[in-house]
Amino acid sequence: MSYKRIAQLRTAADFRAHLDQLGLDLQFDDYTVSGDSSPLAQPYVYRDRILGNRWCVLPMEGWDGTADGHPSDLTRRRWQHFGQSGAKLIWGGEAVAVRHDGRANPNQLVINEQTLADIADLRRTLVETHEASHGNSDELLIGLQLTHSGRYCRPNSKALEPRTAYRHPLLDQRAGISSDDVVFSDDEIDALIEDFAKAASLAQQAGFDFVDLKHCHGYLGHEFLSAITRAGKYGGSFDNRTRFLRNLVEAVRAAAPGLDIGVRFSAFDWIPFKPGTDGSGEPEPFASDGYPFAFGGDGTGTGIDLTEPKRFLDLLAELDIQLVCITAGSPYYVPHIQRPALFPPSDGYLPPEDPLVGVARQIAVTAQLKQQRPELLYVGSGYSYLQEWLPNVAQHVVRNQMADFVGLGRLILSYPEFPADVLAGRPLQRKRICRTFSDCTTAPRNALPSGCYPLDAFYKNSAMNADLQTAKQAQKIDAADETDN
């Protein structure tokens, strides 16, 4: 299907009319405010800290580390951009594996004794760049996202080497899993928790203010939340499915006293989607009366029930975890609900809905969850597709306490100064605004570093872009051959 492009919506009346046509209750401010009076410039008091504005940089995977888990010059360039952004909350900057076999790709960062100095230098580079661009860094809060990638582990090559929380009737087929050997035992999970604790201690030594115990996007922490068929202490009941988090928190606090903890979690999930006959995404067939494997799902496979996510927030509050980042689904099997985009990555499907529907869905869910536990700090996700209208929606969201911080991911790759320009009231640089071309995902799918190849001149003019275009052309030829056959 053809969807109207955001760049065509030049006035507030145009944007509102399009939202009305879609039947979306996505509110926005007609005009944005700059300077100290802007809602997005208001400080946020968090524990004993004052965070200087309401922008947050979300964690990403760059596919640009070394084979042994160290950052490269490309990694350092990206972290410089995080500092250049002017955002005062850096949620993690990077998804960092707690051990080699938990890497999502063979170039993902790993935190251990050997990489510690270089990872500490990433943080230092970010702070120095922020100070050079924006002055005072006392109002920064910087975390590091710790992860094990579970069924999406690719530690040595493009080939999957999955480890899972449970056997999944649909996702196992995609990963080529046919044996229970890939399922972590309870004892293996206990040992992995100790690896998280060691990683957290190293993150504290590196100077990070908090660690994010990742529970999103289909990776291992998220998978535990839907492990209803798993036997033993880590599966079945809600208490058992959240035991992984509770034990992680206990171990981290014992290993790194005083280190703060945040959790980014997928608040809802859907049944895996696949390309239909016209290339648009459609749900995988599932021979059952209901789909029980979606945390935050209503059992239909494509609906939402926030009963358990609200219980999860209650648990975070009980654990004195106040940093919460809300996201959805997984980029591997439902990217349209996780990061709405007009153009799919090379291995994806065309959007089955106007991407604005996905944006509005995430904003609404975050607002509902904030009502459950308003004392927590909430970061929203899924904003990049809004493009020119992102500041207007973000201002409305923060002004009406629908979220405390607006998180930016892909947009930072193409236009790192976006938050600073909005706060200063400078005109947006339209040619640098992310248009969700998804090359930042297609490149990693082809073993290339993630970056904005269409809009960032550094990547656009690089040999890496030539390799990317060759790979994309080959995939088009392969797809045409499949169609002919």
Protein backbone atom coordinates (compact mmCIF):
# COMPACT_ATOMS: atom_id res chain seq x y z
CA MET A 1 0.00 0.00 0.00
CA SER A 2 1.03 3.61 -0.48
CA TYR A 3 1.14 5.84 2.58
CA LYS A 4 1.39 9.61 2.60
CA ARG A 5 4.91 10.72 3.48
CA ILE A 6 5.46 12.89 6.53
CA ALA A 7 7.51 15.39 4.52
CA GLN A 8 4.37 16.17 2.51
CA LEU A 9 2.53 17.34 5.64
CA ARG A 10 3.85 20.88 5.73
CA THR A 11 1.36 22.56 8.10
CA ALA A 12 -0.25 21.64 11.40
CA ALA A 13 -3.59 21.53 9.58
CA ASP A 14 -2.16 19.03 7.07
CA PHE A 15 -0.79 16.82 9.82
CA ARG A 16 -4.00 16.95 11.88
CA ALA A 17 -6.15 16.19 8.84
CA HIS A 18 -4.02 13.15 8.02
CA LEU A 19 -4.24 11.88 11.60
CA ASP A 20 -8.01 12.35 11.52
CA GLN A 21 -8.19 10.43 8.25
CA LEU A 22 -6.32 7.57 9.92
CA GLY A 23 -8.60 7.77 12.96
CA LEU A 24 -5.65 8.36 15.28
CA ASP A 25 -5.80 10.19 18.59
CA LEU A 26 -2.20 11.41 18.33
CA GLN A 27 -2.12 14.87 19.89
CA PHE A 28 0.55 17.47 19.17
CA ASP A 29 1.28 21.15 19.77
CA ASP A 30 0.86 23.40 16.75
CA TYR A 31 3.91 25.42 17.77
CA THR A 32 7.05 24.45 19.63
CA VAL A 33 8.65 26.55 22.33
CA SER A 34 12.39 27.08 22.51
CA GLY A 35 14.68 28.21 25.29
CA ASP A 36 14.23 27.76 29.02
CA SER A 37 10.43 27.92 28.83
CA SER A 38 10.19 24.85 26.56
CA PRO A 39 8.65 21.78 28.20
CA LEU A 40 11.48 19.78 26.62
CA ALA A 41 14.05 22.00 28.34
CA GLN A 42 12.64 21.54 31.83
CA PRO A 43 14.98 19.84 34.32
CA TYR A 44 13.94 16.53 35.83
CA VAL A 45 14.79 15.70 39.44
CA TYR A 46 15.84 12.07 39.63
CA ARG A 47 16.90 10.79 43.05
CA ASP A 48 19.67 13.22 44.03
CA ARG A 49 20.39 14.31 40.46
CA ILE A 50 19.02 17.04 38.20
CA LEU A 51 18.81 16.05 34.54
CA GLY A 52 18.96 19.13 32.34
CA ASN A 53 16.32 18.40 29.66
CA ARG A 54 13.83 15.78 28.48
CA TRP A 55 15.71 14.20 25.58
CA CYS A 56 17.14 10.69 25.79
CA VAL A 57 19.50 8.78 23.48
CA LEU A 58 18.37 5.17 23.17
CA PRO A 59 20.75 2.18 23.03
CA MET A 60 21.70 0.78 19.63
CA GLU A 61 23.93 -1.91 18.17
CA GLY A 62 26.53 -0.54 15.78
CA TRP A 63 27.98 -3.76 14.33
CA ASP A 64 31.25 -1.86 14.36
CA GLY A 65 33.24 -3.28 17.27
CA THR A 66 36.20 -5.60 16.93
CA ALA A 67 36.08 -9.38 16.88
CA ASP A 68 37.11 -9.45 20.54
CA GLY A 69 34.52 -6.91 21.67
CA HIS A 70 36.45 -3.63 21.71
CA PRO A 71 35.02 -0.40 20.25
CA SER A 72 36.40 0.86 16.94
CA ASP A 73 36.83 4.37 15.55
CA LEU A 74 33.30 4.05 14.12
CA THR A 75 31.98 3.28 17.60
CA ARG A 76 33.79 6.27 19.06
CA ARG A 77 32.40 8.52 16.32
CA ARG A 78 28.86 7.46 17.22
CA TRP A 79 29.43 8.12 20.93
CA GLN A 80 30.79 11.55 20.07
CA HIS A 81 27.48 12.19 18.34
CA PHE A 82 25.62 11.12 21.49
CA GLY A 83 27.48 13.83 23.39
CA GLN A 84 26.93 16.30 20.57
CA SER A 85 23.16 15.72 20.70
CA GLY A 86 22.64 17.72 23.87
CA ALA A 87 20.42 15.00 25.37
CA LYS A 88 20.90 14.75 29.12
CA LEU A 89 19.86 11.11 29.52
CA ILE A 90 21.94 8.52 27.68
CA TRP A 91 20.06 5.26 28.17
CA GLY A 92 22.91 3.07 27.15
CA GLY A 93 24.33 4.32 23.90
CA GLU A 94 25.14 0.73 23.07
CA ALA A 95 23.84 -2.78 23.71
CA VAL A 96 26.83 -4.51 25.32
CA ALA A 97 27.06 -8.27 25.76
CA VAL A 98 28.00 -9.60 29.19
CA ARG A 99 29.97 -12.45 27.61
CA HIS A 100 31.13 -13.56 24.18
CA ASP A 101 28.46 -16.17 23.44
CA GLY A 102 25.70 -13.65 24.18
CA ARG A 103 26.59 -11.29 21.32
CA ALA A 104 23.90 -10.45 18.77
CA ASN A 105 26.56 -10.08 16.09
CA PRO A 106 30.29 -10.81 15.75
CA ASN A 107 31.10 -7.10 16.07
CA GLN A 108 29.05 -6.32 19.17
CA LEU A 109 30.81 -4.83 22.17
CA VAL A 110 31.56 -7.11 25.12
CA ILE A 111 32.38 -5.82 28.58
CA ASN A 112 35.16 -7.68 30.38
CA GLU A 113 38.53 -6.92 31.95
CA GLN A 114 40.19 -6.67 28.54
CA THR A 115 37.67 -4.19 27.06
CA LEU A 116 37.03 -2.18 30.22
CA ALA A 117 39.47 0.67 29.50
CA ASP A 118 38.13 1.19 25.97
CA ILE A 119 34.49 1.14 27.12
CA ALA A 120 35.33 3.65 29.86
CA ASP A 121 36.92 5.77 27.14
CA LEU A 122 33.64 5.73 25.19
CA ARG A 123 31.90 7.30 28.14
CA ARG A 124 34.71 9.82 28.60
CA THR A 125 34.54 10.74 24.90
CA LEU A 126 30.79 11.33 25.17
CA VAL A 127 31.20 13.57 28.22
CA GLU A 128 34.05 15.58 26.69
CA THR A 129 32.08 16.10 23.47
CA HIS A 130 29.03 17.18 25.44
CA GLU A 131 31.08 19.67 27.44
CA ALA A 132 32.67 21.08 24.29
CA SER A 133 29.28 21.46 22.57
CA HIS A 134 26.97 22.31 25.45
CA GLY A 135 29.01 23.15 28.53
CA ASN A 136 28.04 21.67 31.89
CA SER A 137 27.98 17.85 32.02
CA ASP A 138 26.81 17.64 35.64
CA GLU A 139 23.23 17.28 34.39
CA LEU A 140 24.03 14.14 32.38
CA LEU A 141 22.96 10.65 33.42
CA ILE A 142 24.74 7.92 31.44
CA GLY A 143 23.96 4.23 31.52
CA LEU A 144 25.16 1.08 29.77
CA GLN A 145 22.76 -1.54 28.45
CA LEU A 146 23.77 -5.08 29.41
CA THR A 147 22.43 -7.96 27.38
CA HIS A 148 22.48 -11.59 26.36
CA SER A 149 20.88 -12.03 22.96
CA GLY A 150 19.32 -15.43 23.56
CA ARG A 151 17.87 -16.98 20.41
CA TYR A 152 19.44 -14.17 18.35
CA CYS A 153 23.06 -14.84 19.29
CA ARG A 154 25.56 -14.56 16.45
CA PRO A 155 28.84 -14.29 18.33
CA ASN A 156 31.20 -15.58 15.63
CA SER A 157 29.60 -15.00 12.22
CA LYS A 158 26.28 -14.29 10.53
CA ALA A 159 25.20 -17.80 11.53
CA LEU A 160 22.80 -18.07 14.46
CA GLU A 161 24.05 -19.82 17.60
CA PRO A 162 20.85 -19.56 19.62
CA ARG A 163 20.31 -20.14 23.33
CA THR A 164 16.72 -19.80 24.46
CA ALA A 165 14.53 -19.61 27.53
CA TYR A 166 12.01 -22.04 26.04
CA ARG A 167 10.99 -23.78 22.81
CA HIS A 168 8.80 -21.52 20.67
CA PRO A 169 6.50 -23.10 18.03
CA LEU A 170 7.06 -20.32 15.45
CA LEU A 171 10.38 -18.66 16.26
CA ASP A 172 12.20 -22.00 16.54
CA GLN A 173 11.41 -22.66 12.87
CA ARG A 174 12.96 -19.35 11.86
CA ALA A 175 16.10 -20.03 13.88
CA GLY A 176 16.45 -23.64 12.72
CA ILE A 177 15.97 -24.96 16.25
CA SER A 178 14.91 -28.60 16.47
CA SER A 179 16.37 -29.69 19.80
CA ASP A 180 15.95 -28.84 23.48
CA ASP A 181 19.74 -28.58 23.68
CA VAL A 182 19.55 -24.83 23.01
CA VAL A 183 17.35 -24.19 26.06
CA PHE A 184 19.22 -22.81 29.07
CA SER A 185 19.02 -24.98 32.17
CA ASP A 186 18.25 -23.34 35.51
CA ASP A 187 21.88 -23.84 36.56
CA GLU A 188 23.12 -22.18 33.35
CA ILE A 189 20.83 -19.23 34.01
CA ASP A 190 22.18 -18.93 37.55
CA ALA A 191 25.71 -18.80 36.12
CA LEU A 192 24.67 -16.22 33.50
CA ILE A 193 23.26 -14.00 36.24
CA GLU A 194 26.71 -13.94 37.83
CA ASP A 195 28.14 -12.84 34.48
CA PHE A 196 25.67 -9.94 34.45
CA ALA A 197 26.77 -9.02 37.95
CA LYS A 198 30.45 -9.02 36.94
CA ALA A 199 29.61 -6.89 33.91
CA ALA A 200 27.70 -4.43 36.09
CA SER A 201 30.67 -4.11 38.43
CA LEU A 202 32.90 -3.31 35.47
CA ALA A 203 30.39 -0.76 34.18
CA GLN A 204 30.53 0.93 37.56
CA GLN A 205 34.32 0.99 37.40
CA ALA A 206 34.04 2.57 33.95
CA GLY A 207 32.07 5.45 35.45
CA PHE A 208 28.53 4.68 34.27
CA ASP A 209 25.69 5.91 36.46
CA PHE A 210 23.43 2.93 35.83
CA VAL A 211 23.07 -0.30 33.92
CA ASP A 212 20.01 -1.32 31.92
CA LEU A 213 19.05 -4.96 32.48
CA LYS A 214 17.59 -5.41 29.02
CA HIS A 215 14.13 -7.02 28.77
CA CYS A 216 13.08 -6.12 25.23
CA HIS A 217 13.08 -6.93 21.51
CA GLY A 218 13.03 -10.73 21.72
CA TYR A 219 16.38 -11.05 23.47
CA LEU A 220 16.82 -13.32 26.47
CA GLY A 221 15.45 -11.07 29.21
CA HIS A 222 12.35 -10.35 27.16
CA GLU A 223 11.90 -14.02 26.30
CA PHE A 224 11.67 -14.95 29.96
CA LEU A 225 8.60 -12.73 30.31
CA SER A 226 6.67 -15.02 27.96
CA ALA A 227 8.16 -18.34 29.15
CA ILE A 228 4.80 -19.78 30.17
CA THR A 229 5.68 -23.29 28.95
CA ARG A 230 9.08 -23.43 30.68
CA ALA A 231 9.33 -25.80 33.63
CA GLY A 232 11.23 -24.96 36.80
CA LYS A 233 11.84 -21.78 38.74
CA TYR A 234 12.22 -19.49 35.69
CA GLY A 235 8.99 -20.31 33.85
CA GLY A 236 5.26 -20.70 34.13
CA SER A 237 3.80 -18.24 36.64
CA PHE A 238 4.38 -14.49 36.52
CA ASP A 239 6.53 -14.74 39.65
CA ASN A 240 8.70 -17.39 38.03
CA ARG A 241 8.92 -15.54 34.69
CA THR A 242 10.19 -12.44 36.51
CA ARG A 243 12.59 -14.37 38.73
CA PHE A 244 15.37 -13.77 36.19
CA LEU A 245 15.00 -10.01 36.74
CA ARG A 246 14.72 -10.27 40.51
CA ASN A 247 17.82 -12.45 40.74
CA LEU A 248 19.68 -10.15 38.35
CA VAL A 249 18.91 -7.15 40.54
CA GLU A 250 20.02 -8.93 43.69
CA ALA A 251 23.29 -10.05 42.08
CA VAL A 252 24.05 -6.65 40.54
CA ARG A 253 23.47 -4.81 43.81
CA ALA A 254 25.71 -7.24 45.67
CA ALA A 255 28.50 -6.90 43.09
CA ALA A 256 28.19 -3.15 42.49
CA PRO A 257 26.77 -1.37 45.55
CA GLY A 258 25.48 2.09 44.71
CA LEU A 259 25.17 1.44 40.97
CA ASP A 260 21.71 2.40 39.75
CA ILE A 261 19.57 0.07 37.63
CA GLY A 262 17.14 0.72 34.78
CA VAL A 263 15.03 -1.63 32.68
CA ARG A 264 14.04 -1.20 29.03
CA PHE A 265 11.23 -3.63 28.31
CA SER A 266 8.86 -4.50 25.50
CA ALA A 267 5.53 -3.64 27.09
CA PHE A 268 3.58 -5.57 24.46
CA ASP A 269 4.36 -8.09 21.77
CA TRP A 270 2.57 -9.74 18.84
CA ILE A 271 2.68 -12.97 16.90
CA PRO A 272 5.54 -13.05 14.33
CA PHE A 273 4.76 -11.44 10.98
CA LYS A 274 5.96 -12.48 7.51
CA PRO A 275 5.70 -11.00 4.01
CA GLY A 276 2.37 -11.71 2.34
CA THR A 277 1.80 -12.22 -1.36
CA ASP A 278 2.03 -8.47 -1.97
CA GLY A 279 5.06 -8.07 0.29
CA SER A 280 3.09 -6.50 3.15
CA GLY A 281 3.43 -8.00 6.58
CA GLU A 282 0.86 -10.46 7.81
CA PRO A 283 0.65 -12.68 10.90
CA GLU A 284 2.16 -16.15 10.76
CA PRO A 285 -0.48 -18.89 10.74
CA PHE A 286 -0.82 -20.48 14.18
CA ALA A 287 -2.86 -23.65 14.63
CA SER A 288 -4.33 -22.87 18.03
CA ASP A 289 -7.28 -21.10 19.60
CA GLY A 290 -4.99 -18.42 20.98
CA TYR A 291 -1.42 -17.13 20.94
CA PRO A 292 -0.06 -17.22 24.51
CA PHE A 293 3.59 -16.27 23.84
CA ALA A 294 3.23 -12.49 23.64
CA PHE A 295 4.00 -10.64 26.87
CA GLY A 296 1.48 -7.81 27.03
CA GLY A 297 -0.66 -9.49 24.35
CA ASP A 298 -4.36 -10.32 24.64
CA GLY A 299 -4.10 -13.85 23.24
CA THR A 300 -5.25 -12.99 19.73
CA GLY A 301 -1.73 -12.46 18.45
CA THR A 302 -2.34 -8.85 17.40
CA GLY A 303 -3.90 -7.24 20.46
CA ILE A 304 -2.73 -5.68 23.71
CA ASP A 305 -3.51 -6.47 27.34
CA LEU A 306 -1.43 -4.43 29.80
CA THR A 307 -2.37 -6.43 32.90
CA GLU A 308 1.02 -8.15 33.22
CA PRO A 309 3.08 -5.14 32.09
CA LYS A 310 1.42 -3.15 34.88
CA ARG A 311 2.36 -5.91 37.34
CA PHE A 312 5.89 -5.68 35.95
CA LEU A 313 5.95 -1.95 36.77
CA ASP A 314 4.75 -2.75 40.29
CA LEU A 315 7.65 -5.16 40.59
CA LEU A 316 10.13 -2.53 39.38
CA ALA A 317 8.82 -0.13 42.01
CA GLU A 318 9.15 -2.81 44.70
CA LEU A 319 12.75 -3.36 43.59
CA ASP A 320 13.39 0.42 43.73
CA ILE A 321 14.05 0.55 39.98
CA GLN A 322 12.87 3.97 38.87
CA LEU A 323 14.40 4.17 35.37
CA VAL A 324 11.97 2.62 32.86
CA CYS A 325 12.16 2.75 29.07
CA ILE A 326 9.08 1.52 27.20
CA THR A 327 9.36 -0.16 23.81
CA ALA A 328 7.51 -2.96 22.00
CA GLY A 329 7.89 -6.20 20.12
CA SER A 330 11.06 -7.19 18.32
CA PRO A 331 12.91 -6.01 15.19
CA TYR A 332 13.27 -9.65 14.16
CA TYR A 333 9.63 -10.67 13.84
CA VAL A 334 7.36 -7.58 14.32
CA PRO A 335 9.47 -4.54 13.33
CA HIS A 336 6.43 -2.49 12.34
CA ILE A 337 5.21 -2.31 15.95
CA GLN A 338 8.72 -1.81 17.35
CA ARG A 339 10.23 0.82 15.06
CA PRO A 340 7.61 2.14 12.62
CA ALA A 341 9.14 2.81 9.21
CA LEU A 342 7.99 3.48 5.66
CA PHE A 343 10.75 1.40 4.07
CA PRO A 344 11.57 -2.10 5.37
CA PRO A 345 15.07 -3.53 5.77
CA SER A 346 16.21 -6.02 3.15
CA ASP A 347 14.89 -9.03 5.06
CA GLY A 348 11.68 -7.37 6.21
CA TYR A 349 8.17 -6.80 4.92
CA LEU A 350 6.27 -3.76 3.74
CA PRO A 351 4.36 -1.98 6.52
CA PRO A 352 0.89 -3.50 6.96
CA GLU A 353 -0.36 -0.21 8.43
CA ASP A 354 0.52 3.46 8.14
CA PRO A 355 3.62 3.74 10.34
CA LEU A 356 1.94 6.58 12.24
CA VAL A 357 -0.40 3.94 13.67
CA GLY A 358 2.59 2.23 15.26
CA VAL A 359 3.92 5.52 16.61
CA ALA A 360 0.57 6.40 18.17
CA ARG A 361 0.27 2.90 19.64
CA GLN A 362 3.58 3.14 21.50
CA ILE A 363 2.89 6.67 22.76
CA ALA A 364 -0.54 5.64 24.05
CA VAL A 365 0.76 2.53 25.80
CA THR A 366 3.55 4.49 27.48
CA ALA A 367 1.01 7.04 28.72
CA GLN A 368 -1.21 4.28 30.12
CA LEU A 369 1.69 2.65 31.93
CA LYS A 370 2.83 5.94 33.38
CA GLN A 371 -0.59 6.27 35.00
CA GLN A 372 -0.01 2.93 36.74
CA ARG A 373 3.21 4.01 38.48
CA PRO A 374 3.62 7.77 37.95
CA GLU A 375 6.48 7.97 40.44
CA LEU A 376 8.84 6.19 38.04
CA LEU A 377 10.86 7.92 35.31
CA TYR A 378 9.50 6.97 31.86
CA VAL A 379 11.30 7.16 28.53
CA GLY A 380 9.17 6.73 25.42
CA SER A 381 10.29 5.13 22.16
CA GLY A 382 9.17 4.94 18.53
CA TYR A 383 9.33 8.67 17.72
CA SER A 384 11.71 8.80 14.74
CA TYR A 385 9.02 8.24 12.11
CA LEU A 386 7.37 11.54 13.12
CA GLN A 387 10.23 13.40 11.38
CA GLU A 388 9.38 17.14 11.11
CA TRP A 389 6.50 16.73 13.56
CA LEU A 390 8.57 14.96 16.21
CA PRO A 391 9.21 18.15 18.26
CA ASN A 392 5.51 19.03 18.27
CA VAL A 393 4.42 15.57 19.44
CA ALA A 394 7.30 15.32 21.91
CA GLN A 395 6.46 18.69 23.46
CA HIS A 396 2.80 17.68 23.87
CA VAL A 397 3.74 14.33 25.42
CA VAL A 398 6.08 15.83 28.00
CA ARG A 399 3.86 18.84 28.73
CA ASN A 400 0.93 16.51 29.46
CA GLN A 401 3.04 14.06 31.50
CA MET A 402 2.46 11.17 29.11
CA ALA A 403 6.19 10.39 29.39
CA ASP A 404 9.07 12.09 31.16
CA PHE A 405 11.68 11.77 28.41
CA VAL A 406 11.49 11.35 24.64
CA GLY A 407 13.88 8.69 23.37
CA LEU A 408 15.66 8.97 20.02
CA GLY A 409 17.44 6.14 18.23
CA ARG A 410 17.72 6.05 14.42
CA LEU A 411 17.32 9.82 14.13
CA ILE A 412 20.52 10.37 16.10
CA LEU A 413 22.44 8.47 13.41
CA SER A 414 21.47 10.91 10.66
CA TYR A 415 21.05 14.11 12.67
CA PRO A 416 22.74 13.98 16.10
CA GLU A 417 22.22 17.69 16.77
CA PHE A 418 18.42 17.35 16.46
CA PRO A 419 17.67 17.72 20.21
CA ALA A 420 20.01 20.70 20.54
CA ASP A 421 18.49 22.42 17.50
CA VAL A 422 14.96 21.94 18.86
CA LEU A 423 15.89 23.31 22.28
CA ALA A 424 17.62 26.32 20.72
CA GLY A 425 14.74 27.05 18.36
CA ARG A 426 16.93 26.66 15.29
CA PRO A 427 15.22 25.61 12.04
CA LEU A 428 15.37 21.87 11.51
CA GLN A 429 17.85 20.69 8.88
CA ARG A 430 15.30 18.81 6.78
CA LYS A 431 17.88 17.07 4.60
CA ARG A 432 19.30 15.34 7.69
CA ILE A 433 16.03 14.13 9.21
CA CYS A 434 15.70 10.33 9.27
CA ARG A 435 13.18 9.18 6.65
CA THR A 436 13.26 5.56 7.90
CA PHE A 437 14.97 4.15 4.84
CA SER A 438 16.16 1.29 7.12
CA ASP A 439 19.67 1.05 5.66
CA CYS A 440 20.87 1.29 9.27
CA THR A 441 19.31 -2.19 9.63
CA THR A 442 19.92 -3.56 6.14
CA ALA A 443 23.66 -2.91 6.53
CA PRO A 444 24.02 -5.07 9.65
CA ARG A 445 21.90 -7.75 8.02
CA ASN A 446 24.72 -7.86 5.45
CA ALA A 447 27.55 -7.84 8.03
CA LEU A 448 28.27 -4.12 7.58
CA PRO A 449 28.38 -1.45 10.31
CA SER A 450 25.12 0.29 11.16
CA GLY A 451 24.97 3.93 10.11
CA CYS A 452 22.85 6.32 8.08
CA TYR A 453 24.05 5.54 4.57
CA PRO A 454 21.53 7.78 2.74
CA LEU A 455 21.99 10.97 4.82
CA ASP A 456 25.30 10.88 6.69
CA ALA A 457 27.99 11.93 4.19
CA PHE A 458 30.58 9.90 6.10
CA TYR A 459 28.75 6.64 5.36
CA LYS A 460 27.27 7.74 2.03
CA ASN A 461 30.71 8.38 0.55
CA SER A 462 32.38 5.33 2.07
CA ALA A 463 33.40 2.01 0.54
CA MET A 464 30.95 0.45 2.99
CA ASN A 465 28.08 2.08 1.08
CA ALA A 466 29.32 0.58 -2.18
CA ASP A 467 29.29 -2.84 -0.52
CA LEU A 468 25.79 -2.18 0.83
CA GLN A 469 24.41 -1.23 -2.59
CA THR A 470 25.96 -4.35 -4.11
CA ALA A 471 24.35 -6.52 -1.43
CA LYS A 472 20.96 -4.86 -1.89
CA GLN A 473 21.11 -5.35 -5.66
CA ALA A 474 21.98 -9.01 -5.22
CA GLN A 475 19.02 -9.45 -2.90
CA LYS A 476 16.70 -7.87 -5.47
CA ILE A 477 17.97 -10.33 -8.09
CA ASP A 478 17.50 -13.24 -5.70
CA ALA A 479 13.96 -12.08 -4.92
CA ALA A 480 13.17 -11.79 -8.63
CA ASP A 481 14.47 -15.32 -9.23
CA GLU A 482 12.24 -16.65 -6.46
CA THR A 483 9.24 -14.92 -8.02
CA ASP A 484 10.02 -16.34 -11.46
CA ASN A 485 10.31 -19.82 -10.00
